Amino acid sequence: GSLRLSCATSRSIYTFDHMGWYRQAPGKERELVAD
């Protein structure tokens, strides 16, 4: 199946130099998914 995640920011995303999605499963370290 499919899902779409959103991240709403409190200010313009033009002000962010870099953005990304991370994930963490039980017993595992947080890992970078996409940036």
PDB file of all heavy atoms in Angstrom:
ATOM      1  N   GLY A   1       0.800  -1.205   0.000  1.00  0.00           N
ATOM      2  CA  GLY A   1       0.000   0.000   0.000  1.00  0.00           C
ATOM      3  C   GLY A   1       0.838   1.261   0.000  1.00  0.00           C
ATOM      4  O   GLY A   1       2.066   1.221  -0.063  1.00  0.00           O
ATOM      5  N   SER A   2       0.156   2.402   0.096  1.00  0.00           N
ATOM      6  CA  SER A   2       0.814   3.701   0.037  1.00  0.00           C
ATOM      7  C   SER A   2       0.335   4.620   1.151  1.00  0.00           C
ATOM      8  O   SER A   2      -0.796   4.507   1.631  1.00  0.00           O
ATOM      9  CB  SER A   2       0.544   4.380  -1.309  1.00  0.00           C
ATOM     10  OG  SER A   2       1.060   3.634  -2.394  1.00  0.00           O
ATOM     11  N   LEU A   3       1.201   5.527   1.544  1.00  0.00           N
ATOM     12  CA  LEU A   3       0.883   6.597   2.475  1.00  0.00           C
ATOM     13  C   LEU A   3       1.620   7.843   2.040  1.00  0.00           C
ATOM     14  O   LEU A   3       2.669   7.759   1.393  1.00  0.00           O
ATOM     15  CB  LEU A   3       1.297   6.255   3.904  1.00  0.00           C
ATOM     16  CG  LEU A   3       0.473   5.248   4.696  1.00  0.00           C
ATOM     17  CD1 LEU A   3       1.163   4.947   6.022  1.00  0.00           C
ATOM     18  CD2 LEU A   3      -0.931   5.774   4.944  1.00  0.00           C
ATOM     19  N   ARG A   4       1.081   9.000   2.395  1.00  0.00           N
ATOM     20  CA  ARG A   4       1.780  10.251   2.169  1.00  0.00           C
ATOM     21  C   ARG A   4       1.885  11.007   3.483  1.00  0.00           C
ATOM     22  O   ARG A   4       0.871  11.340   4.097  1.00  0.00           O
ATOM     23  CB  ARG A   4       1.077  11.122   1.120  1.00  0.00           C
ATOM     24  CG  ARG A   4       1.893  12.357   0.733  1.00  0.00           C
ATOM     25  CD  ARG A   4       1.347  13.082  -0.476  1.00  0.00           C
ATOM     26  NE  ARG A   4       0.077  13.743  -0.207  1.00  0.00           N
ATOM     27  CZ  ARG A   4      -0.457  14.672  -0.998  1.00  0.00           C
ATOM     28  NH1 ARG A   4       0.182  15.043  -2.109  1.00  0.00           N
ATOM     29  NH2 ARG A   4      -1.629  15.204  -0.688  1.00  0.00           N
ATOM     30  N   LEU A   5       3.106  11.258   3.905  1.00  0.00           N
ATOM     31  CA  LEU A   5       3.366  11.980   5.130  1.00  0.00           C
ATOM     32  C   LEU A   5       3.582  13.453   4.835  1.00  0.00           C
ATOM     33  O   LEU A   5       4.164  13.816   3.808  1.00  0.00           O
ATOM     34  CB  LEU A   5       4.606  11.431   5.842  1.00  0.00           C
ATOM     35  CG  LEU A   5       4.643   9.931   6.132  1.00  0.00           C
ATOM     36  CD1 LEU A   5       5.913   9.587   6.900  1.00  0.00           C
ATOM     37  CD2 LEU A   5       3.402   9.496   6.892  1.00  0.00           C
ATOM     38  N   SER A   6       3.119  14.302   5.727  1.00  0.00           N
ATOM     39  CA  SER A   6       3.325  15.731   5.590  1.00  0.00           C
ATOM     40  C   SER A   6       3.999  16.291   6.828  1.00  0.00           C
ATOM     41  O   SER A   6       3.844  15.771   7.934  1.00  0.00           O
ATOM     42  CB  SER A   6       2.002  16.465   5.342  1.00  0.00           C
ATOM     43  OG  SER A   6       1.136  16.357   6.459  1.00  0.00           O
ATOM     44  N   CYS A   7       4.747  17.344   6.628  1.00  0.00           N
ATOM     45  CA  CYS A   7       5.404  18.056   7.711  1.00  0.00           C
ATOM     46  C   CYS A   7       5.118  19.537   7.515  1.00  0.00           C
ATOM     47  O   CYS A   7       5.701  20.168   6.619  1.00  0.00           O
ATOM     48  CB  CYS A   7       6.907  17.777   7.700  1.00  0.00           C
ATOM     49  SG  CYS A   7       7.864  18.790   8.845  1.00  0.00           S
ATOM     50  N   ALA A   8       4.228  20.072   8.322  1.00  0.00           N
ATOM     51  CA  ALA A   8       3.879  21.487   8.251  1.00  0.00           C
ATOM     52  C   ALA A   8       4.851  22.290   9.096  1.00  0.00           C
ATOM     53  O   ALA A   8       5.114  21.944  10.245  1.00  0.00           O
ATOM     54  CB  ALA A   8       2.450  21.705   8.732  1.00  0.00           C
ATOM     55  N   THR A   9       5.370  23.357   8.537  1.00  0.00           N
ATOM     56  CA  THR A   9       6.361  24.177   9.225  1.00  0.00           C
ATOM     57  C   THR A   9       5.759  25.514   9.629  1.00  0.00           C
ATOM     58  O   THR A   9       4.834  26.023   8.991  1.00  0.00           O
ATOM     59  CB  THR A   9       7.600  24.409   8.364  1.00  0.00           C
ATOM     60  OG1 THR A   9       7.257  25.209   7.223  1.00  0.00           O
ATOM     61  CG2 THR A   9       8.169  23.085   7.884  1.00  0.00           C
ATOM     62  N   SER A  10       6.320  26.104  10.675  1.00  0.00           N
ATOM     63  CA  SER A  10       5.791  27.347  11.211  1.00  0.00           C
ATOM     64  C   SER A  10       6.284  28.581  10.464  1.00  0.00           C
ATOM     65  O   SER A  10       5.856  29.691  10.777  1.00  0.00           O
ATOM     66  CB  SER A  10       6.136  27.470  12.698  1.00  0.00           C
ATOM     67  OG  SER A  10       7.535  27.488  12.889  1.00  0.00           O
ATOM     68  N   ARG A  11       7.159  28.407   9.513  1.00  0.00           N
ATOM     69  CA  ARG A  11       7.647  29.518   8.713  1.00  0.00           C
ATOM     70  C   ARG A  11       8.005  29.016   7.327  1.00  0.00           C
ATOM     71  O   ARG A  11       7.996  27.812   7.067  1.00  0.00           O
ATOM     72  CB  ARG A  11       8.841  30.197   9.384  1.00  0.00           C
ATOM     73  CG  ARG A  11      10.122  29.379   9.400  1.00  0.00           C
ATOM     74  CD  ARG A  11      11.186  30.063  10.231  1.00  0.00           C
ATOM     75  NE  ARG A  11      12.504  29.538   9.958  1.00  0.00           N
ATOM     76  CZ  ARG A  11      13.584  29.838  10.676  1.00  0.00           C
ATOM     77  NH1 ARG A  11      13.490  30.650  11.710  1.00  0.00           N
ATOM     78  NH2 ARG A  11      14.762  29.316  10.344  1.00  0.00           N
ATOM     79  N   SER A  12       8.353  29.936   6.444  1.00  0.00           N
ATOM     80  CA  SER A  12       8.666  29.597   5.062  1.00  0.00           C
ATOM     81  C   SER A  12       9.795  28.578   4.981  1.00  0.00           C
ATOM     82  O   SER A  12      10.821  28.716   5.636  1.00  0.00           O
ATOM     83  CB  SER A  12       9.046  30.853   4.281  1.00  0.00           C
ATOM     84  OG  SER A  12       9.492  30.518   2.983  1.00  0.00           O
ATOM     85  N   ILE A  13       9.594  27.562   4.133  1.00  0.00           N
ATOM     86  CA  ILE A  13      10.645  26.557   3.981  1.00  0.00           C
ATOM     87  C   ILE A  13      11.822  27.100   3.186  1.00  0.00           C
ATOM     88  O   ILE A  13      12.860  26.433   3.112  1.00  0.00           O
ATOM     89  CB  ILE A  13      10.105  25.263   3.346  1.00  0.00           C
ATOM     90  CG1 ILE A  13       9.534  25.516   1.955  1.00  0.00           C
ATOM     91  CG2 ILE A  13       9.061  24.619   4.243  1.00  0.00           C
ATOM     92  CD1 ILE A  13       9.126  24.239   1.239  1.00  0.00           C
ATOM     93  N   TYR A  14      11.683  28.271   2.618  1.00  0.00           N
ATOM     94  CA  TYR A  14      12.828  28.929   1.981  1.00  0.00           C
ATOM     95  C   TYR A  14      13.931  29.196   3.004  1.00  0.00           C
ATOM     96  O   TYR A  14      15.102  29.310   2.635  1.00  0.00           O
ATOM     97  CB  TYR A  14      12.419  30.251   1.342  1.00  0.00           C
ATOM     98  CG  TYR A  14      11.705  30.145   0.032  1.00  0.00           C
ATOM     99  CD1 TYR A  14      10.363  30.486  -0.088  1.00  0.00           C
ATOM    100  CD2 TYR A  14      12.377  29.730  -1.118  1.00  0.00           C
ATOM    101  CE1 TYR A  14       9.706  30.400  -1.299  1.00  0.00           C
ATOM    102  CE2 TYR A  14      11.726  29.642  -2.335  1.00  0.00           C
ATOM    103  CZ  TYR A  14      10.386  29.982  -2.422  1.00  0.00           C
ATOM    104  OH  TYR A  14       9.737  29.900  -3.635  1.00  0.00           O
ATOM    105  N   THR A  15      13.555  29.311   4.267  1.00  0.00           N
ATOM    106  CA  THR A  15      14.518  29.642   5.307  1.00  0.00           C
ATOM    107  C   THR A  15      15.320  28.434   5.784  1.00  0.00           C
ATOM    108  O   THR A  15      16.279  28.599   6.534  1.00  0.00           O
ATOM    109  CB  THR A  15      13.829  30.288   6.512  1.00  0.00           C
ATOM    110  OG1 THR A  15      12.932  29.358   7.132  1.00  0.00           O
ATOM    111  CG2 THR A  15      13.040  31.521   6.070  1.00  0.00           C
ATOM    112  N   PHE A  16      14.919  27.228   5.377  1.00  0.00           N
ATOM    113  CA  PHE A  16      15.640  26.025   5.776  1.00  0.00           C
ATOM    114  C   PHE A  16      16.676  25.656   4.719  1.00  0.00           C
ATOM    115  O   PHE A  16      16.354  25.549   3.533  1.00  0.00           O
ATOM    116  CB  PHE A  16      14.682  24.855   5.987  1.00  0.00           C
ATOM    117  CG  PHE A  16      13.666  25.093   7.061  1.00  0.00           C
ATOM    118  CD1 PHE A  16      12.312  25.078   6.775  1.00  0.00           C
ATOM    119  CD2 PHE A  16      14.063  25.340   8.362  1.00  0.00           C
ATOM    120  CE1 PHE A  16      11.368  25.297   7.759  1.00  0.00           C
ATOM    121  CE2 PHE A  16      13.131  25.563   9.367  1.00  0.00           C
ATOM    122  CZ  PHE A  16      11.778  25.539   9.055  1.00  0.00           C
ATOM    123  N   ASP A  17      17.901  25.448   5.149  1.00  0.00           N
ATOM    124  CA  ASP A  17      18.970  25.085   4.229  1.00  0.00           C
ATOM    125  C   ASP A  17      18.878  23.626   3.784  1.00  0.00           C
ATOM    126  O   ASP A  17      19.364  23.269   2.707  1.00  0.00           O
ATOM    127  CB  ASP A  17      20.326  25.336   4.886  1.00  0.00           C
ATOM    128  CG  ASP A  17      20.533  26.797   5.251  1.00  0.00           C
ATOM    129  OD1 ASP A  17      20.502  27.637   4.332  1.00  0.00           O
ATOM    130  OD2 ASP A  17      20.718  27.086   6.445  1.00  0.00           O
ATOM    131  N   HIS A  18      18.274  22.788   4.602  1.00  0.00           N
ATOM    132  CA  HIS A  18      18.185  21.365   4.336  1.00  0.00           C
ATOM    133  C   HIS A  18      16.993  20.797   5.082  1.00  0.00           C
ATOM    134  O   HIS A  18      16.706  21.202   6.214  1.00  0.00           O
ATOM    135  CB  HIS A  18      19.474  20.673   4.789  1.00  0.00           C
ATOM    136  CG  HIS A  18      19.648  19.288   4.268  1.00  0.00           C
ATOM    137  ND1 HIS A  18      19.127  18.187   4.918  1.00  0.00           N
ATOM    138  CD2 HIS A  18      20.283  18.814   3.170  1.00  0.00           C
ATOM    139  CE1 HIS A  18      19.435  17.108   4.245  1.00  0.00           C
ATOM    140  NE2 HIS A  18      20.136  17.454   3.180  1.00  0.00           N
ATOM    141  N   MET A  19      16.283  19.853   4.468  1.00  0.00           N
ATOM    142  CA  MET A  19      15.165  19.192   5.120  1.00  0.00           C
ATOM    143  C   MET A  19      15.219  17.701   4.807  1.00  0.00           C
ATOM    144  O   MET A  19      15.766  17.292   3.780  1.00  0.00           O
ATOM    145  CB  MET A  19      13.819  19.765   4.670  1.00  0.00           C
ATOM    146  CG  MET A  19      13.655  21.252   4.936  1.00  0.00           C
ATOM    147  SD  MET A  19      11.980  21.851   4.583  1.00  0.00           S
ATOM    148  CE  MET A  19      11.096  21.189   6.012  1.00  0.00           C
ATOM    149  N   GLY A  20      14.642  16.905   5.700  1.00  0.00           N
ATOM    150  CA  GLY A  20      14.664  15.474   5.470  1.00  0.00           C
ATOM    151  C   GLY A  20      13.670  14.717   6.330  1.00  0.00           C
ATOM    152  O   GLY A  20      13.037  15.270   7.229  1.00  0.00           O
ATOM    153  N   TRP A  21      13.538  13.448   5.998  1.00  0.00           N
ATOM    154  CA  TRP A  21      12.726  12.520   6.772  1.00  0.00           C
ATOM    155  C   TRP A  21      13.619  11.432   7.356  1.00  0.00           C
ATOM    156  O   TRP A  21      14.440  10.848   6.639  1.00  0.00           O
ATOM    157  CB  TRP A  21      11.641  11.864   5.913  1.00  0.00           C
ATOM    158  CG  TRP A  21      10.509  12.776   5.556  1.00  0.00           C
ATOM    159  CD1 TRP A  21      10.366  13.511   4.420  1.00  0.00           C
ATOM    160  CD2 TRP A  21       9.347  13.025   6.353  1.00  0.00           C
ATOM    161  NE1 TRP A  21       9.186  14.210   4.448  1.00  0.00           N
ATOM    162  CE2 TRP A  21       8.541  13.931   5.625  1.00  0.00           C
ATOM    163  CE3 TRP A  21       8.905  12.574   7.594  1.00  0.00           C
ATOM    164  CZ2 TRP A  21       7.320  14.396   6.116  1.00  0.00           C
ATOM    165  CZ3 TRP A  21       7.693  13.039   8.082  1.00  0.00           C
ATOM    166  CH2 TRP A  21       6.921  13.935   7.337  1.00  0.00           C
ATOM    167  N   TYR A  22      13.451  11.172   8.642  1.00  0.00           N
ATOM    168  CA  TYR A  22      14.136  10.101   9.342  1.00  0.00           C
ATOM    169  C   TYR A  22      13.098   9.125   9.885  1.00  0.00           C
ATOM    170  O   TYR A  22      11.922   9.448   9.991  1.00  0.00           O
ATOM    171  CB  TYR A  22      14.965  10.644  10.503  1.00  0.00           C
ATOM    172  CG  TYR A  22      16.198  11.427  10.095  1.00  0.00           C
ATOM    173  CD1 TYR A  22      16.101  12.695   9.543  1.00  0.00           C
ATOM    174  CD2 TYR A  22      17.473  10.889  10.291  1.00  0.00           C
ATOM    175  CE1 TYR A  22      17.226  13.414   9.182  1.00  0.00           C
ATOM    176  CE2 TYR A  22      18.607  11.601   9.939  1.00  0.00           C
ATOM    177  CZ  TYR A  22      18.473  12.866   9.382  1.00  0.00           C
ATOM    178  OH  TYR A  22      19.607  13.570   9.036  1.00  0.00           O
ATOM    179  N   ARG A  23      13.543   7.933  10.240  1.00  0.00           N
ATOM    180  CA  ARG A  23      12.655   6.981  10.882  1.00  0.00           C
ATOM    181  C   ARG A  23      13.407   6.186  11.926  1.00  0.00           C
ATOM    182  O   ARG A  23      14.618   6.019  11.858  1.00  0.00           O
ATOM    183  CB  ARG A  23      12.006   6.040   9.856  1.00  0.00           C
ATOM    184  CG  ARG A  23      12.965   5.067   9.176  1.00  0.00           C
ATOM    185  CD  ARG A  23      12.231   4.285   8.089  1.00  0.00           C
ATOM    186  NE  ARG A  23      13.109   3.320   7.438  1.00  0.00           N
ATOM    187  CZ  ARG A  23      12.764   2.617   6.361  1.00  0.00           C
ATOM    188  NH1 ARG A  23      11.561   2.781   5.818  1.00  0.00           N
ATOM    189  NH2 ARG A  23      13.620   1.747   5.824  1.00  0.00           N
ATOM    190  N   GLN A  24      12.653   5.687  12.901  1.00  0.00           N
ATOM    191  CA  GLN A  24      13.235   4.881  13.960  1.00  0.00           C
ATOM    192  C   GLN A  24      12.276   3.759  14.323  1.00  0.00           C
ATOM    193  O   GLN A  24      11.133   4.011  14.714  1.00  0.00           O
ATOM    194  CB  GLN A  24      13.551   5.726  15.193  1.00  0.00           C
ATOM    195  CG  GLN A  24      14.308   4.974  16.276  1.00  0.00           C
ATOM    196  CD  GLN A  24      14.860   5.886  17.346  1.00  0.00           C
ATOM    197  OE1 GLN A  24      14.342   6.984  17.559  1.00  0.00           O
ATOM    198  NE2 GLN A  24      15.912   5.451  18.010  1.00  0.00           N
ATOM    199  N   ALA A  25      12.748   2.537  14.187  1.00  0.00           N
ATOM    200  CA  ALA A  25      11.983   1.356  14.564  1.00  0.00           C
ATOM    201  C   ALA A  25      12.431   0.888  15.942  1.00  0.00           C
ATOM    202  O   ALA A  25      13.549   1.184  16.373  1.00  0.00           O
ATOM    203  CB  ALA A  25      12.180   0.246  13.534  1.00  0.00           C
ATOM    204  N   PRO A  26      11.582   0.150  16.663  1.00  0.00           N
ATOM    205  CA  PRO A  26      11.969  -0.349  17.985  1.00  0.00           C
ATOM    206  C   PRO A  26      13.266  -1.144  17.939  1.00  0.00           C
ATOM    207  O   PRO A  26      13.437  -2.025  17.093  1.00  0.00           O
ATOM    208  CB  PRO A  26      10.790  -1.233  18.381  1.00  0.00           C
ATOM    209  CG  PRO A  26       9.632  -0.657  17.638  1.00  0.00           C
ATOM    210  CD  PRO A  26      10.202  -0.221  16.318  1.00  0.00           C
ATOM    211  N   GLY A  27      14.184  -0.826  18.839  1.00  0.00           N
ATOM    212  CA  GLY A  27      15.448  -1.527  18.900  1.00  0.00           C
ATOM    213  C   GLY A  27      16.474  -1.097  17.878  1.00  0.00           C
ATOM    214  O   GLY A  27      17.569  -1.680  17.827  1.00  0.00           O
ATOM    215  N   LYS A  28      16.154  -0.094  17.070  1.00  0.00           N
ATOM    216  CA  LYS A  28      17.076   0.375  16.049  1.00  0.00           C
ATOM    217  C   LYS A  28      17.360   1.861  16.228  1.00  0.00           C
ATOM    218  O   LYS A  28      16.586   2.593  16.840  1.00  0.00           O
ATOM    219  CB  LYS A  28      16.513   0.124  14.653  1.00  0.00           C
ATOM    220  CG  LYS A  28      16.318  -1.341  14.300  1.00  0.00           C
ATOM    221  CD  LYS A  28      15.831  -1.496  12.875  1.00  0.00           C
ATOM    222  CE  LYS A  28      15.675  -2.954  12.494  1.00  0.00           C
ATOM    223  NZ  LYS A  28      15.194  -3.108  11.097  1.00  0.00           N
ATOM    224  N   GLU A  29      18.480   2.293  15.680  1.00  0.00           N
ATOM    225  CA  GLU A  29      18.831   3.700  15.713  1.00  0.00           C
ATOM    226  C   GLU A  29      18.052   4.471  14.653  1.00  0.00           C
ATOM    227  O   GLU A  29      17.615   3.909  13.648  1.00  0.00           O
ATOM    228  CB  GLU A  29      20.333   3.886  15.492  1.00  0.00           C
ATOM    229  CG  GLU A  29      21.203   3.290  16.585  1.00  0.00           C
ATOM    230  CD  GLU A  29      22.677   3.581  16.385  1.00  0.00           C
ATOM    231  OE1 GLU A  29      23.039   4.117  15.317  1.00  0.00           O
ATOM    232  OE2 GLU A  29      23.462   3.287  17.292  1.00  0.00           O
ATOM    233  N   ARG A  30      17.887   5.756  14.897  1.00  0.00           N
ATOM    234  CA  ARG A  30      17.234   6.602  13.920  1.00  0.00           C
ATOM    235  C   ARG A  30      18.078   6.663  12.649  1.00  0.00           C
ATOM    236  O   ARG A  30      19.294   6.847  12.706  1.00  0.00           O
ATOM    237  CB  ARG A  30      17.013   8.002  14.491  1.00  0.00           C
ATOM    238  CG  ARG A  30      16.199   8.921  13.600  1.00  0.00           C
ATOM    239  CD  ARG A  30      15.906  10.252  14.282  1.00  0.00           C
ATOM    240  NE  ARG A  30      15.115  10.074  15.499  1.00  0.00           N
ATOM    241  CZ  ARG A  30      14.618  11.073  16.207  1.00  0.00           C
ATOM    242  NH1 ARG A  30      14.809  12.327  15.828  1.00  0.00           N
ATOM    243  NH2 ARG A  30      13.922  10.820  17.312  1.00  0.00           N
ATOM    244  N   GLU A  31      17.422   6.514  11.502  1.00  0.00           N
ATOM    245  CA  GLU A  31      18.133   6.501  10.240  1.00  0.00           C
ATOM    246  C   GLU A  31      17.521   7.496   9.263  1.00  0.00           C
ATOM    247  O   GLU A  31      16.322   7.766   9.285  1.00  0.00           O
ATOM    248  CB  GLU A  31      18.120   5.103   9.616  1.00  0.00           C
ATOM    249  CG  GLU A  31      16.739   4.607   9.231  1.00  0.00           C
ATOM    250  CD  GLU A  31      16.756   3.277   8.500  1.00  0.00           C
ATOM    251  OE1 GLU A  31      17.829   2.864   8.032  1.00  0.00           O
ATOM    252  OE2 GLU A  31      15.681   2.642   8.408  1.00  0.00           O
ATOM    253  N   LEU A  32      18.360   8.022   8.403  1.00  0.00           N
ATOM    254  CA  LEU A  32      17.908   8.935   7.361  1.00  0.00           C
ATOM    255  C   LEU A  32      17.204   8.156   6.264  1.00  0.00           C
ATOM    256  O   LEU A  32      17.742   7.182   5.742  1.00  0.00           O
ATOM    257  CB  LEU A  32      19.089   9.707   6.786  1.00  0.00           C
ATOM    258  CG  LEU A  32      18.790  10.652   5.616  1.00  0.00           C
ATOM    259  CD1 LEU A  32      17.890  11.790   6.063  1.00  0.00           C
ATOM    260  CD2 LEU A  32      20.093  11.195   5.032  1.00  0.00           C
ATOM    261  N   VAL A  33      16.009   8.589   5.905  1.00  0.00           N
ATOM    262  CA  VAL A  33      15.233   7.972   4.843  1.00  0.00           C
ATOM    263  C   VAL A  33      15.408   8.727   3.534  1.00  0.00           C
ATOM    264  O   VAL A  33      15.668   8.134   2.485  1.00  0.00           O
ATOM    265  CB  VAL A  33      13.741   7.908   5.212  1.00  0.00           C
ATOM    266  CG1 VAL A  33      12.917   7.357   4.058  1.00  0.00           C
ATOM    267  CG2 VAL A  33      13.548   7.051   6.466  1.00  0.00           C
ATOM    268  N   ALA A  34      15.240  10.042   3.589  1.00  0.00           N
ATOM    269  CA  ALA A  34      15.333  10.873   2.399  1.00  0.00           C
ATOM    270  C   ALA A  34      15.652  12.291   2.816  1.00  0.00           C
ATOM    271  O   ALA A  34      15.243  12.737   3.883  1.00  0.00           O
ATOM    272  CB  ALA A  34      14.026  10.845   1.597  1.00  0.00           C
ATOM    273  N   ASP A  35      16.384  13.000   1.979  1.00  0.00           N
ATOM    274  CA  ASP A  35      16.647  14.402   2.257  1.00  0.00           C
ATOM    275  C   ASP A  35      16.586  15.217   0.976  1.00  0.00           C
ATOM    276  O   ASP A  35      16.638  14.674  -0.132  1.00  0.00           O
ATOM    277  CB  ASP A  35      17.976  14.613   2.996  1.00  0.00           C
ATOM    278  CG  ASP A  35      19.197  14.076   2.255  1.00  0.00           C
ATOM    279  OD1 ASP A  35      19.118  13.841   1.031  1.00  0.00           O
ATOM    280  OD2 ASP A  35      20.240  13.901   2.910  1.00  0.00           O
TER     281      ASP A  35
END
